[in-house]
Amino acid sequence: MTRRQKLHYGLGMDSAIEHEELKGSVHLRKYNDTNQRAFYAKWLELMCAEGEA
């Protein structure tokens, strides 16, 4: 079914907070797509890198 539909990874985009004790991406809500966005951001960075194999 998902082959026919566009996916939306916008869940939790406005829930990021700064935390003194925790490193990385911290969000107020339990469910969000932060990991998926980070994965595709890194994938895009690797695909756009020049001269690396």
Protein backbone atom coordinates (compact mmCIF):
# COMPACT_ATOMS: atom_id res chain seq x y z
CA MET A 1 0.00 0.00 0.00
CA THR A 2 2.77 2.49 0.79
CA ARG A 3 4.13 2.14 -2.73
CA ARG A 4 1.09 4.06 -3.91
CA GLN A 5 1.14 6.76 -1.23
CA LYS A 6 3.56 9.51 -0.34
CA LEU A 7 5.05 9.18 3.14
CA HIS A 8 5.04 12.08 5.58
CA TYR A 9 7.77 12.29 8.24
CA GLY A 10 6.61 15.48 9.96
CA LEU A 11 5.41 14.00 13.25
CA GLY A 12 6.99 15.82 16.20
CA MET A 13 8.77 18.56 14.27
CA ASP A 14 7.71 21.19 16.79
CA SER A 15 8.40 19.17 19.95
CA ALA A 16 12.22 19.48 20.20
CA ILE A 17 13.57 20.88 23.46
CA GLU A 18 16.98 21.69 24.95
CA HIS A 19 17.93 19.48 27.88
CA GLU A 20 20.84 20.09 30.23
CA GLU A 21 21.57 16.44 31.03
CA LEU A 22 20.65 14.60 27.84
CA LYS A 23 22.66 14.80 24.63
CA GLY A 24 21.27 14.69 21.14
CA SER A 25 17.73 15.20 19.99
CA VAL A 26 15.24 15.41 22.89
CA HIS A 27 11.50 15.75 22.30
CA LEU A 28 8.51 16.33 24.56
CA ARG A 29 6.28 13.79 22.89
CA LYS A 30 6.67 10.04 22.96
CA TYR A 31 5.96 9.47 19.26
CA ASN A 32 7.80 11.36 16.52
CA ASP A 33 9.73 10.87 13.30
CA THR A 34 13.04 12.35 14.45
CA ASN A 35 15.01 9.16 13.79
CA GLN A 36 13.61 8.84 10.28
CA ARG A 37 14.46 12.46 9.47
CA ALA A 38 17.99 12.03 10.82
CA PHE A 39 18.45 8.84 8.79
CA TYR A 40 17.39 10.47 5.53
CA ALA A 41 19.41 13.62 6.25
CA LYS A 42 22.55 11.48 6.67
CA TRP A 43 21.66 9.44 3.58
CA LEU A 44 21.29 12.65 1.54
CA GLU A 45 24.63 13.92 2.85
CA LEU A 46 26.34 10.67 1.80
CA MET A 47 24.68 10.63 -1.63
CA CYS A 48 25.74 14.22 -2.32
CA ALA A 49 29.35 13.76 -1.18
CA GLU A 50 31.80 14.04 -4.05
CA GLY A 51 34.85 11.83 -4.55
CA GLU A 52 33.96 9.21 -1.95
CA ALA A 53 33.18 5.61 -2.76
